[in-house]
Amino acid sequence: MKVTVVGAGAVGASCAEYIAMKNFASEVVLLDIKEGYAEGKAMDLMQTASLNGFDTKITGSTSDYSKTANSDIAVITSGIPRKPGMTREELIGINAGIVKDVSSNLLKHSPNAIIIVVSNPMDTMTYLVHKTTDIPKHRIIGMGGALDSARFKYRLAEALGAPISDVDGMVIGGHSDTGMVPLIRHATRNSVKVSEFLPEDKMKWVVEETKVGGATLTKLLGTSAWYAPGAAVSGLVQAIACDQKKMFPCSTLLEGEFGLDDICIGVPVILGKNGIEKVVEIELSDAEKTKMKESAKGVKNTNGLLQL
């Protein structure tokens, strides 16, 4: 199993580290346009192998896509990160050109690869890959919902005063501060709905804190987060590589599901060796349907800024 990560910055390097430490891939290739950067990150990570107990080979390359040949899975993290006060949508002009170029080069050398998109605005970048490549939709996956759901569970556990292993919850919709739809009605603590433990105002707090989770970290760090995005990617990659049939909320091209069409947006999917193997159409309340439609409208507005 060969995995390529394009972009050796903080998110890309975290992706490579978590994938290697889980020890299911034979090789991880880091690629970056900055001379020597990916090679240095790869060497640094390989020097942790004996300490962290993994055998995955990590190599780095400066813009040489031939080194990525025959990758089974390719992760696109490249692009400019958010700065404090920026929305994900403001990144579209520069990142669209980068993602288009990267996906084209990846597929020249790995025509059967499954592509995972991390670059922001993530739903629109996932849609861009659909529109500018000819690979089937089940092989193009946007990461956002997996990360947003991890942040949702963090806030749920915090509000409940519970270990995070007790908590389950999911975020669907667009990967943006206004587009996320945390499904608080479905969230549970050991199969018991969190509404049994939390008052209405506390549940609302959890939802709002989840939606601004990325912006909160950007303000604190001065740039986008990297540990949780890297971990989210590694979870998706492992589910595919190991054919786990796990359910994650991911951005995928919808063609009528959830009443939406010609849009990439976060919904529950089953991930296995073929990528997205099934879209799971869960039942939504009228309020959740309304929020999902509003989210989709925002994503489509951002999609309209693409130069296709």
C-alpha atoms as a PDB file:
ATOM      1  CA  MET A   1       0.000   0.000   0.000  1.00  0.00           C
ATOM      2  CA  LYS A   2       1.554   3.255  -1.203  1.00  0.00           C
ATOM      3  CA  VAL A   3       0.213   6.616  -0.036  1.00  0.00           C
ATOM      4  CA  THR A   4       1.261  10.023  -1.381  1.00  0.00           C
ATOM      5  CA  VAL A   5       0.780  13.248   0.579  1.00  0.00           C
ATOM      6  CA  VAL A   6       1.177  16.420  -1.480  1.00  0.00           C
ATOM      7  CA  GLY A   7       2.157  19.362   0.684  1.00  0.00           C
ATOM      8  CA  ALA A   8       4.791  18.768   3.379  1.00  0.00           C
ATOM      9  CA  GLY A   9       3.688  21.583   5.656  1.00  0.00           C
ATOM     10  CA  ALA A  10       2.272  21.063   9.125  1.00  0.00           C
ATOM     11  CA  VAL A  11      -0.907  19.279   7.959  1.00  0.00           C
ATOM     12  CA  GLY A  12       0.843  17.126   5.358  1.00  0.00           C
ATOM     13  CA  ALA A  13       3.639  16.112   7.716  1.00  0.00           C
ATOM     14  CA  SER A  14       1.091  15.233  10.417  1.00  0.00           C
ATOM     15  CA  CYS A  15      -0.786  13.092   7.882  1.00  0.00           C
ATOM     16  CA  ALA A  16       2.416  11.239   7.005  1.00  0.00           C
ATOM     17  CA  GLU A  17       3.349  10.790  10.667  1.00  0.00           C
ATOM     18  CA  TYR A  18      -0.014   9.352  11.753  1.00  0.00           C
ATOM     19  CA  ILE A  19      -0.270   7.079   8.705  1.00  0.00           C
ATOM     20  CA  ALA A  20       3.235   5.733   9.307  1.00  0.00           C
ATOM     21  CA  MET A  21       2.665   5.194  13.020  1.00  0.00           C
ATOM     22  CA  LYS A  22      -0.429   3.095  12.318  1.00  0.00           C
ATOM     23  CA  ASN A  23       1.880   0.805  10.308  1.00  0.00           C
ATOM     24  CA  PHE A  24      -0.592  -0.323   7.617  1.00  0.00           C
ATOM     25  CA  ALA A  25       1.138   1.323   4.626  1.00  0.00           C
ATOM     26  CA  SER A  26       4.350   0.071   3.063  1.00  0.00           C
ATOM     27  CA  GLU A  27       5.361   3.521   1.817  1.00  0.00           C
ATOM     28  CA  VAL A  28       4.392   7.168   2.287  1.00  0.00           C
ATOM     29  CA  VAL A  29       5.697   9.746  -0.191  1.00  0.00           C
ATOM     30  CA  LEU A  30       5.784  13.411   0.851  1.00  0.00           C
ATOM     31  CA  LEU A  31       5.954  15.920  -2.009  1.00  0.00           C
ATOM     32  CA  ASP A  32       6.390  19.687  -1.863  1.00  0.00           C
ATOM     33  CA  ILE A  33       7.472  22.513  -4.183  1.00  0.00           C
ATOM     34  CA  LYS A  34       9.946  23.965  -1.653  1.00  0.00           C
ATOM     35  CA  GLU A  35      13.436  22.640  -2.414  1.00  0.00           C
ATOM     36  CA  GLY A  36      14.520  19.981   0.086  1.00  0.00           C
ATOM     37  CA  TYR A  37      11.554  20.555   2.404  1.00  0.00           C
ATOM     38  CA  ALA A  38       9.750  17.245   1.845  1.00  0.00           C
ATOM     39  CA  GLU A  39      13.058  15.368   1.892  1.00  0.00           C
ATOM     40  CA  GLY A  40      13.918  16.932   5.239  1.00  0.00           C
ATOM     41  CA  LYS A  41      10.505  16.209   6.750  1.00  0.00           C
ATOM     42  CA  ALA A  42      10.687  12.605   5.517  1.00  0.00           C
ATOM     43  CA  MET A  43      14.174  12.109   6.977  1.00  0.00           C
ATOM     44  CA  ASP A  44      13.117  13.596  10.310  1.00  0.00           C
ATOM     45  CA  LEU A  45      10.071  11.309  10.434  1.00  0.00           C
ATOM     46  CA  MET A  46      12.102   8.230   9.475  1.00  0.00           C
ATOM     47  CA  GLN A  47      14.420   8.931  12.391  1.00  0.00           C
ATOM     48  CA  THR A  48      11.408   8.394  14.698  1.00  0.00           C
ATOM     49  CA  ALA A  49      10.663   4.931  13.247  1.00  0.00           C
ATOM     50  CA  SER A  50      12.783   2.936  15.693  1.00  0.00           C
ATOM     51  CA  LEU A  51      11.450   5.019  18.583  1.00  0.00           C
ATOM     52  CA  ASN A  52       7.789   4.807  17.564  1.00  0.00           C
ATOM     53  CA  GLY A  53       7.904   1.225  16.301  1.00  0.00           C
ATOM     54  CA  PHE A  54       6.821   1.510  12.682  1.00  0.00           C
ATOM     55  CA  ASP A  55       8.252   0.032   9.483  1.00  0.00           C
ATOM     56  CA  THR A  56       6.510   2.256   6.950  1.00  0.00           C
ATOM     57  CA  LYS A  57       9.052   3.822   4.594  1.00  0.00           C
ATOM     58  CA  ILE A  58       8.721   7.615   4.283  1.00  0.00           C
ATOM     59  CA  THR A  59      10.406   9.377   1.376  1.00  0.00           C
ATOM     60  CA  GLY A  60      10.382  12.996   0.254  1.00  0.00           C
ATOM     61  CA  SER A  61      10.505  14.666  -3.147  1.00  0.00           C
ATOM     62  CA  THR A  62      10.680  18.206  -4.483  1.00  0.00           C
ATOM     63  CA  SER A  63       8.062  18.464  -7.255  1.00  0.00           C
ATOM     64  CA  ASP A  64       9.022  15.103  -8.817  1.00  0.00           C
ATOM     65  CA  TYR A  65       5.691  13.386  -9.339  1.00  0.00           C
ATOM     66  CA  SER A  66       7.384  10.314 -10.809  1.00  0.00           C
ATOM     67  CA  LYS A  67       8.245   9.398  -7.205  1.00  0.00           C
ATOM     68  CA  THR A  68       4.508   9.162  -6.502  1.00  0.00           C
ATOM     69  CA  ALA A  69       3.888   6.594  -9.264  1.00  0.00           C
ATOM     70  CA  ASN A  70       1.486   3.746  -8.508  1.00  0.00           C
ATOM     71  CA  SER A  71       0.105   5.325  -5.362  1.00  0.00           C
ATOM     72  CA  ASP A  72      -3.068   3.673  -4.097  1.00  0.00           C
ATOM     73  CA  ILE A  73      -4.210   6.770  -2.209  1.00  0.00           C
ATOM     74  CA  ALA A  74      -3.169  10.398  -2.721  1.00  0.00           C
ATOM     75  CA  VAL A  75      -3.850  13.181  -0.221  1.00  0.00           C
ATOM     76  CA  ILE A  76      -3.880  16.823  -1.349  1.00  0.00           C
ATOM     77  CA  THR A  77      -3.039  19.214   1.497  1.00  0.00           C
ATOM     78  CA  SER A  78      -1.209  21.804  -0.610  1.00  0.00           C
ATOM     79  CA  GLY A  79      -2.304  25.421  -0.732  1.00  0.00           C
ATOM     80  CA  ILE A  80      -2.111  28.457   1.512  1.00  0.00           C
ATOM     81  CA  PRO A  81      -3.441  27.996   5.063  1.00  0.00           C
ATOM     82  CA  ARG A  82      -5.878  30.280   6.839  1.00  0.00           C
ATOM     83  CA  LYS A  83      -4.662  33.240   8.821  1.00  0.00           C
ATOM     84  CA  PRO A  84      -6.598  34.834  11.699  1.00  0.00           C
ATOM     85  CA  GLY A  85      -9.736  36.575  10.424  1.00  0.00           C
ATOM     86  CA  MET A  86      -9.749  34.726   7.088  1.00  0.00           C
ATOM     87  CA  THR A  87     -12.580  32.479   5.970  1.00  0.00           C
ATOM     88  CA  ARG A  88     -11.858  29.236   4.135  1.00  0.00           C
ATOM     89  CA  GLU A  89     -13.634  30.699   1.113  1.00  0.00           C
ATOM     90  CA  GLU A  90     -11.062  33.501   0.800  1.00  0.00           C
ATOM     91  CA  LEU A  91      -8.443  30.920  -0.151  1.00  0.00           C
ATOM     92  CA  ILE A  92     -10.200  29.883  -3.347  1.00  0.00           C
ATOM     93  CA  GLY A  93      -8.274  31.932  -5.927  1.00  0.00           C
ATOM     94  CA  ILE A  94      -4.806  30.597  -5.169  1.00  0.00           C
ATOM     95  CA  ASN A  95      -5.741  27.138  -3.933  1.00  0.00           C
ATOM     96  CA  ALA A  96      -7.946  26.270  -6.930  1.00  0.00           C
ATOM     97  CA  GLY A  97      -4.996  26.576  -9.296  1.00  0.00           C
ATOM     98  CA  ILE A  98      -2.789  24.537  -6.989  1.00  0.00           C
ATOM     99  CA  VAL A  99      -5.321  21.724  -6.488  1.00  0.00           C
ATOM    100  CA  LYS A 100      -6.091  21.502 -10.207  1.00  0.00           C
ATOM    101  CA  ASP A 101      -2.390  21.203 -11.068  1.00  0.00           C
ATOM    102  CA  VAL A 102      -1.669  18.720  -8.276  1.00  0.00           C
ATOM    103  CA  SER A 103      -4.563  16.373  -9.092  1.00  0.00           C
ATOM    104  CA  SER A 104      -3.613  16.355 -12.778  1.00  0.00           C
ATOM    105  CA  ASN A 105       0.019  15.471 -12.021  1.00  0.00           C
ATOM    106  CA  LEU A 106      -0.937  12.800  -9.510  1.00  0.00           C
ATOM    107  CA  LEU A 107      -3.240  11.020 -11.943  1.00  0.00           C
ATOM    108  CA  LYS A 108      -0.613  11.018 -14.699  1.00  0.00           C
ATOM    109  CA  HIS A 109       1.488   8.725 -12.529  1.00  0.00           C
ATOM    110  CA  SER A 110      -1.229   6.990 -10.490  1.00  0.00           C
ATOM    111  CA  PRO A 111      -4.348   6.776 -12.697  1.00  0.00           C
ATOM    112  CA  ASN A 112      -6.098   4.406 -10.275  1.00  0.00           C
ATOM    113  CA  ALA A 113      -5.454   6.409  -7.106  1.00  0.00           C
ATOM    114  CA  ILE A 114      -8.174   7.400  -4.659  1.00  0.00           C
ATOM    115  CA  ILE A 115      -7.850  11.136  -3.969  1.00  0.00           C
ATOM    116  CA  ILE A 116      -8.520  12.722  -0.582  1.00  0.00           C
ATOM    117  CA  VAL A 117      -8.856  16.513  -0.655  1.00  0.00           C
ATOM    118  CA  VAL A 118      -7.881  18.550   2.407  1.00  0.00           C
ATOM    119  CA  SER A 119      -7.121  21.966   0.841  1.00  0.00           C
ATOM    120  CA  ASN A 120      -9.599  24.752   1.594  1.00  0.00           C
ATOM    121  CA  PRO A 121     -12.294  25.658   0.766  1.00  0.00           C
ATOM    122  CA  MET A 122     -12.520  21.875   0.978  1.00  0.00           C
ATOM    123  CA  ASP A 123     -15.986  21.185  -0.492  1.00  0.00           C
ATOM    124  CA  THR A 124     -15.278  23.439  -3.466  1.00  0.00           C
ATOM    125  CA  MET A 125     -11.808  21.960  -3.998  1.00  0.00           C
ATOM    126  CA  THR A 126     -13.369  18.471  -3.968  1.00  0.00           C
ATOM    127  CA  TYR A 127     -15.900  19.644  -6.551  1.00  0.00           C
ATOM    128  CA  LEU A 128     -13.051  21.093  -8.627  1.00  0.00           C
ATOM    129  CA  VAL A 129     -11.303  17.704  -8.743  1.00  0.00           C
ATOM    130  CA  HIS A 130     -14.571  16.154  -9.972  1.00  0.00           C
ATOM    131  CA  LYS A 131     -14.943  18.752 -12.694  1.00  0.00           C
ATOM    132  CA  THR A 132     -11.340  18.678 -13.923  1.00  0.00           C
ATOM    133  CA  THR A 133     -10.597  14.929 -13.873  1.00  0.00           C
ATOM    134  CA  ASP A 134     -12.351  11.972 -15.422  1.00  0.00           C
ATOM    135  CA  ILE A 135     -12.082   9.543 -12.511  1.00  0.00           C
ATOM    136  CA  PRO A 136     -15.281   8.119 -10.946  1.00  0.00           C
ATOM    137  CA  LYS A 137     -16.849   9.975  -8.048  1.00  0.00           C
ATOM    138  CA  HIS A 138     -16.284   7.213  -5.493  1.00  0.00           C
ATOM    139  CA  ARG A 139     -12.537   7.854  -5.775  1.00  0.00           C
ATOM    140  CA  ILE A 140     -12.745  11.562  -4.831  1.00  0.00           C
ATOM    141  CA  ILE A 141     -13.236  12.294  -1.135  1.00  0.00           C
ATOM    142  CA  GLY A 142     -13.283  15.557   0.825  1.00  0.00           C
ATOM    143  CA  MET A 143     -11.944  15.194   4.366  1.00  0.00           C
ATOM    144  CA  GLY A 144     -13.782  17.997   6.246  1.00  0.00           C
ATOM    145  CA  GLY A 145     -16.636  16.159   7.953  1.00  0.00           C
ATOM    146  CA  ALA A 146     -14.305  13.694   9.662  1.00  0.00           C
ATOM    147  CA  LEU A 147     -12.399  16.589  11.234  1.00  0.00           C
ATOM    148  CA  ASP A 148     -15.535  18.554  12.126  1.00  0.00           C
ATOM    149  CA  SER A 149     -17.014  15.477  13.816  1.00  0.00           C
ATOM    150  CA  ALA A 150     -13.846  14.985  15.879  1.00  0.00           C
ATOM    151  CA  ARG A 151     -14.148  18.590  17.043  1.00  0.00           C
ATOM    152  CA  PHE A 152     -17.846  18.021  17.801  1.00  0.00           C
ATOM    153  CA  LYS A 153     -17.021  14.995  19.976  1.00  0.00           C
ATOM    154  CA  TYR A 154     -14.330  16.984  21.773  1.00  0.00           C
ATOM    155  CA  ARG A 155     -16.842  19.684  22.697  1.00  0.00           C
ATOM    156  CA  LEU A 156     -19.494  17.092  23.637  1.00  0.00           C
ATOM    157  CA  ALA A 157     -17.105  15.315  25.998  1.00  0.00           C
ATOM    158  CA  GLU A 158     -16.106  18.673  27.478  1.00  0.00           C
ATOM    159  CA  ALA A 159     -19.727  19.665  28.107  1.00  0.00           C
ATOM    160  CA  LEU A 160     -20.637  16.244  29.518  1.00  0.00           C
ATOM    161  CA  GLY A 161     -17.540  15.951  31.672  1.00  0.00           C
ATOM    162  CA  ALA A 162     -17.188  12.508  30.099  1.00  0.00           C
ATOM    163  CA  PRO A 163     -14.307  10.551  28.574  1.00  0.00           C
ATOM    164  CA  ILE A 164     -14.304  11.042  24.837  1.00  0.00           C
ATOM    165  CA  SER A 165     -14.575   7.278  24.289  1.00  0.00           C
ATOM    166  CA  ASP A 166     -18.101   7.538  25.763  1.00  0.00           C
ATOM    167  CA  VAL A 167     -19.214  10.055  23.148  1.00  0.00           C
ATOM    168  CA  ASP A 168     -20.427   9.725  19.571  1.00  0.00           C
ATOM    169  CA  GLY A 169     -21.654  12.412  17.198  1.00  0.00           C
ATOM    170  CA  MET A 170     -21.502  13.559  13.599  1.00  0.00           C
ATOM    171  CA  VAL A 171     -21.267  16.792  11.626  1.00  0.00           C
ATOM    172  CA  ILE A 172     -22.626  16.992   8.078  1.00  0.00           C
ATOM    173  CA  GLY A 173     -22.941  19.901   5.642  1.00  0.00           C
ATOM    174  CA  GLY A 174     -20.286  22.262   4.345  1.00  0.00           C
ATOM    175  CA  HIS A 175     -16.838  22.524   5.906  1.00  0.00           C
ATOM    176  CA  SER A 176     -17.197  26.193   6.828  1.00  0.00           C
ATOM    177  CA  ASP A 177     -17.941  28.221   9.938  1.00  0.00           C
ATOM    178  CA  THR A 178     -21.505  28.867   8.772  1.00  0.00           C
ATOM    179  CA  GLY A 179     -22.149  25.673   6.805  1.00  0.00           C
ATOM    180  CA  MET A 180     -21.578  22.935   9.373  1.00  0.00           C
ATOM    181  CA  VAL A 181     -24.604  21.014  10.623  1.00  0.00           C
ATOM    182  CA  PRO A 182     -23.672  19.295  13.925  1.00  0.00           C
ATOM    183  CA  LEU A 183     -26.321  16.626  14.495  1.00  0.00           C
ATOM    184  CA  ILE A 184     -26.812  17.264  18.207  1.00  0.00           C
ATOM    185  CA  ARG A 185     -30.176  15.448  18.133  1.00  0.00           C
ATOM    186  CA  HIS A 186     -28.369  12.223  17.182  1.00  0.00           C
ATOM    187  CA  ALA A 187     -25.372  12.633  19.521  1.00  0.00           C
ATOM    188  CA  THR A 188     -25.036  10.034  22.269  1.00  0.00           C
ATOM    189  CA  ARG A 189     -23.139   9.082  25.394  1.00  0.00           C
ATOM    190  CA  ASN A 190     -22.877   5.281  25.415  1.00  0.00           C
ATOM    191  CA  SER A 191     -26.027   5.052  23.251  1.00  0.00           C
ATOM    192  CA  VAL A 192     -28.003   7.449  25.464  1.00  0.00           C
ATOM    193  CA  LYS A 193     -28.922  10.731  23.774  1.00  0.00           C
ATOM    194  CA  VAL A 194     -26.947  13.672  25.131  1.00  0.00           C
ATOM    195  CA  SER A 195     -30.224  15.557  25.615  1.00  0.00           C
ATOM    196  CA  GLU A 196     -30.700  13.281  28.664  1.00  0.00           C
ATOM    197  CA  PHE A 197     -27.615  14.868  30.235  1.00  0.00           C
ATOM    198  CA  LEU A 198     -27.348  18.405  28.859  1.00  0.00           C
ATOM    199  CA  PRO A 199     -29.779  21.348  28.992  1.00  0.00           C
ATOM    200  CA  GLU A 200     -30.783  23.083  25.772  1.00  0.00           C
ATOM    201  CA  ASP A 201     -28.441  26.045  26.255  1.00  0.00           C
ATOM    202  CA  LYS A 202     -25.429  23.767  26.763  1.00  0.00           C
ATOM    203  CA  MET A 203     -26.247  21.766  23.635  1.00  0.00           C
ATOM    204  CA  LYS A 204     -26.489  25.016  21.684  1.00  0.00           C
ATOM    205  CA  TRP A 205     -23.077  26.012  23.056  1.00  0.00           C
ATOM    206  CA  VAL A 206     -21.586  22.719  21.840  1.00  0.00           C
ATOM    207  CA  VAL A 207     -23.018  23.270  18.356  1.00  0.00           C
ATOM    208  CA  GLU A 208     -21.745  26.839  18.066  1.00  0.00           C
ATOM    209  CA  GLU A 209     -18.282  26.012  19.424  1.00  0.00           C
ATOM    210  CA  THR A 210     -18.029  23.144  16.950  1.00  0.00           C
ATOM    211  CA  LYS A 211     -18.878  25.384  14.005  1.00  0.00           C
ATOM    212  CA  VAL A 212     -16.106  27.855  14.844  1.00  0.00           C
ATOM    213  CA  GLY A 213     -13.643  25.151  15.886  1.00  0.00           C
ATOM    214  CA  GLY A 214     -11.236  25.873  13.046  1.00  0.00           C
ATOM    215  CA  ALA A 215     -11.448  29.645  13.440  1.00  0.00           C
ATOM    216  CA  THR A 216     -10.837  29.337  17.198  1.00  0.00           C
ATOM    217  CA  LEU A 217      -7.611  27.423  16.579  1.00  0.00           C
ATOM    218  CA  THR A 218      -6.510  29.770  13.789  1.00  0.00           C
ATOM    219  CA  LYS A 219      -6.873  32.708  16.164  1.00  0.00           C
ATOM    220  CA  LEU A 220      -4.870  30.931  18.876  1.00  0.00           C
ATOM    221  CA  LEU A 221      -2.161  29.499  16.617  1.00  0.00           C
ATOM    222  CA  GLY A 222      -1.900  32.241  13.999  1.00  0.00           C
ATOM    223  CA  THR A 223      -2.471  29.646  11.251  1.00  0.00           C
ATOM    224  CA  SER A 224      -4.593  26.577  10.527  1.00  0.00           C
ATOM    225  CA  ALA A 225      -4.503  23.589  12.871  1.00  0.00           C
ATOM    226  CA  TRP A 226      -2.586  20.450  11.889  1.00  0.00           C
ATOM    227  CA  TYR A 227      -2.732  17.642  14.470  1.00  0.00           C
ATOM    228  CA  ALA A 228      -6.468  16.938  14.208  1.00  0.00           C
ATOM    229  CA  PRO A 229      -6.592  17.391  10.396  1.00  0.00           C
ATOM    230  CA  GLY A 230      -3.677  14.970  10.078  1.00  0.00           C
ATOM    231  CA  ALA A 231      -5.371  12.450  12.351  1.00  0.00           C
ATOM    232  CA  ALA A 232      -8.648  12.783  10.433  1.00  0.00           C
ATOM    233  CA  VAL A 233      -6.876  12.065   7.141  1.00  0.00           C
ATOM    234  CA  SER A 234      -5.077   9.051   8.609  1.00  0.00           C
ATOM    235  CA  GLY A 235      -8.425   7.634   9.730  1.00  0.00           C
ATOM    236  CA  LEU A 236      -9.848   7.920   6.215  1.00  0.00           C
ATOM    237  CA  VAL A 237      -6.716   6.465   4.614  1.00  0.00           C
ATOM    238  CA  GLN A 238      -6.703   3.508   7.007  1.00  0.00           C
ATOM    239  CA  ALA A 239     -10.396   2.797   6.417  1.00  0.00           C
ATOM    240  CA  ILE A 240      -9.712   2.615   2.681  1.00  0.00           C
ATOM    241  CA  ALA A 241      -6.376   0.791   2.838  1.00  0.00           C
ATOM    242  CA  CYS A 242      -7.661  -1.832   5.283  1.00  0.00           C
ATOM    243  CA  ASP A 243     -11.138  -2.110   3.680  1.00  0.00           C
ATOM    244  CA  GLN A 244     -12.738  -1.374   7.045  1.00  0.00           C
ATOM    245  CA  LYS A 245     -16.204  -0.348   5.776  1.00  0.00           C
ATOM    246  CA  LYS A 246     -16.213   2.424   8.383  1.00  0.00           C
ATOM    247  CA  MET A 247     -18.693   5.277   8.343  1.00  0.00           C
ATOM    248  CA  PHE A 248     -17.361   8.816   8.210  1.00  0.00           C
ATOM    249  CA  PRO A 249     -19.001  12.076   7.160  1.00  0.00           C
ATOM    250  CA  CYS A 250     -17.085  13.095   4.018  1.00  0.00           C
ATOM    251  CA  SER A 251     -17.583  15.511   1.162  1.00  0.00           C
ATOM    252  CA  THR A 252     -18.769  13.602  -1.885  1.00  0.00           C
ATOM    253  CA  LEU A 253     -20.563  14.400  -5.121  1.00  0.00           C
ATOM    254  CA  LEU A 254     -24.317  14.128  -4.590  1.00  0.00           C
ATOM    255  CA  GLU A 255     -26.703  13.258  -7.392  1.00  0.00           C
ATOM    256  CA  GLY A 256     -30.079  13.471  -5.699  1.00  0.00           C
ATOM    257  CA  GLU A 257     -29.151  12.180  -2.253  1.00  0.00           C
ATOM    258  CA  PHE A 258     -30.480  14.369   0.571  1.00  0.00           C
ATOM    259  CA  GLY A 259     -32.372  16.288  -2.128  1.00  0.00           C
ATOM    260  CA  LEU A 260     -29.132  17.813  -3.433  1.00  0.00           C
ATOM    261  CA  ASP A 261     -27.524  17.595  -6.863  1.00  0.00           C
ATOM    262  CA  ASP A 262     -24.249  18.619  -8.548  1.00  0.00           C
ATOM    263  CA  ILE A 263     -22.551  19.522  -5.277  1.00  0.00           C
ATOM    264  CA  CYS A 264     -19.830  18.107  -3.037  1.00  0.00           C
ATOM    265  CA  ILE A 265     -20.820  18.395   0.611  1.00  0.00           C
ATOM    266  CA  GLY A 266     -20.391  16.428   3.814  1.00  0.00           C
ATOM    267  CA  VAL A 267     -22.695  13.430   4.313  1.00  0.00           C
ATOM    268  CA  PRO A 268     -22.247  10.021   5.984  1.00  0.00           C
ATOM    269  CA  VAL A 269     -20.468   7.516   3.735  1.00  0.00           C
ATOM    270  CA  ILE A 270     -19.039   4.019   4.037  1.00  0.00           C
ATOM    271  CA  LEU A 271     -15.313   3.862   3.236  1.00  0.00           C
ATOM    272  CA  GLY A 272     -13.628   0.714   1.961  1.00  0.00           C
ATOM    273  CA  LYS A 273     -11.067  -0.455  -0.571  1.00  0.00           C
ATOM    274  CA  ASN A 274     -12.929   1.258  -3.427  1.00  0.00           C
ATOM    275  CA  GLY A 275     -13.136   4.620  -1.675  1.00  0.00           C
ATOM    276  CA  ILE A 276     -16.705   5.760  -1.070  1.00  0.00           C
ATOM    277  CA  GLU A 277     -18.734   2.571  -1.255  1.00  0.00           C
ATOM    278  CA  LYS A 278     -22.086   3.961  -0.158  1.00  0.00           C
ATOM    279  CA  VAL A 279     -23.776   7.229   0.773  1.00  0.00           C
ATOM    280  CA  VAL A 280     -25.859   6.697   3.923  1.00  0.00           C
ATOM    281  CA  GLU A 281     -29.068   8.736   3.730  1.00  0.00           C
ATOM    282  CA  ILE A 282     -29.930   9.208   7.391  1.00  0.00           C
ATOM    283  CA  GLU A 283     -33.279  10.690   8.378  1.00  0.00           C
ATOM    284  CA  LEU A 284     -33.110  14.409   9.105  1.00  0.00           C
ATOM    285  CA  SER A 285     -35.610  16.562  10.966  1.00  0.00           C
ATOM    286  CA  ASP A 286     -37.221  19.497   9.185  1.00  0.00           C
ATOM    287  CA  ALA A 287     -34.843  21.870  10.990  1.00  0.00           C
ATOM    288  CA  GLU A 288     -31.817  19.796   9.964  1.00  0.00           C
ATOM    289  CA  LYS A 289     -33.035  19.666   6.362  1.00  0.00           C
ATOM    290  CA  THR A 290     -33.366  23.451   6.349  1.00  0.00           C
ATOM    291  CA  LYS A 291     -29.840  23.879   7.709  1.00  0.00           C
ATOM    292  CA  MET A 292     -28.512  21.422   5.146  1.00  0.00           C
ATOM    293  CA  LYS A 293     -30.153  23.358   2.303  1.00  0.00           C
ATOM    294  CA  GLU A 294     -28.711  26.631   3.627  1.00  0.00           C
ATOM    295  CA  SER A 295     -25.287  25.019   3.839  1.00  0.00           C
ATOM    296  CA  ALA A 296     -25.577  23.711   0.283  1.00  0.00           C
ATOM    297  CA  LYS A 297     -26.509  27.180  -0.932  1.00  0.00           C
ATOM    298  CA  GLY A 298     -23.331  28.585   0.598  1.00  0.00           C
ATOM    299  CA  VAL A 299     -21.170  25.866  -0.983  1.00  0.00           C
ATOM    300  CA  LYS A 300     -22.756  26.448  -4.397  1.00  0.00           C
ATOM    301  CA  ASN A 301     -22.084  30.170  -4.080  1.00  0.00           C
ATOM    302  CA  THR A 302     -18.407  29.422  -3.466  1.00  0.00           C
ATOM    303  CA  ASN A 303     -18.371  26.919  -6.340  1.00  0.00           C
ATOM    304  CA  GLY A 304     -19.575  29.753  -8.557  1.00  0.00           C
ATOM    305  CA  LEU A 305     -16.246  31.529  -7.996  1.00  0.00           C
ATOM    306  CA  LEU A 306     -14.320  28.697  -9.701  1.00  0.00           C
ATOM    307  CA  GLN A 307     -12.740  29.305 -13.091  1.00  0.00           C
ATOM    308  CA  LEU A 308     -13.737  26.010 -14.722  1.00  0.00           C
END
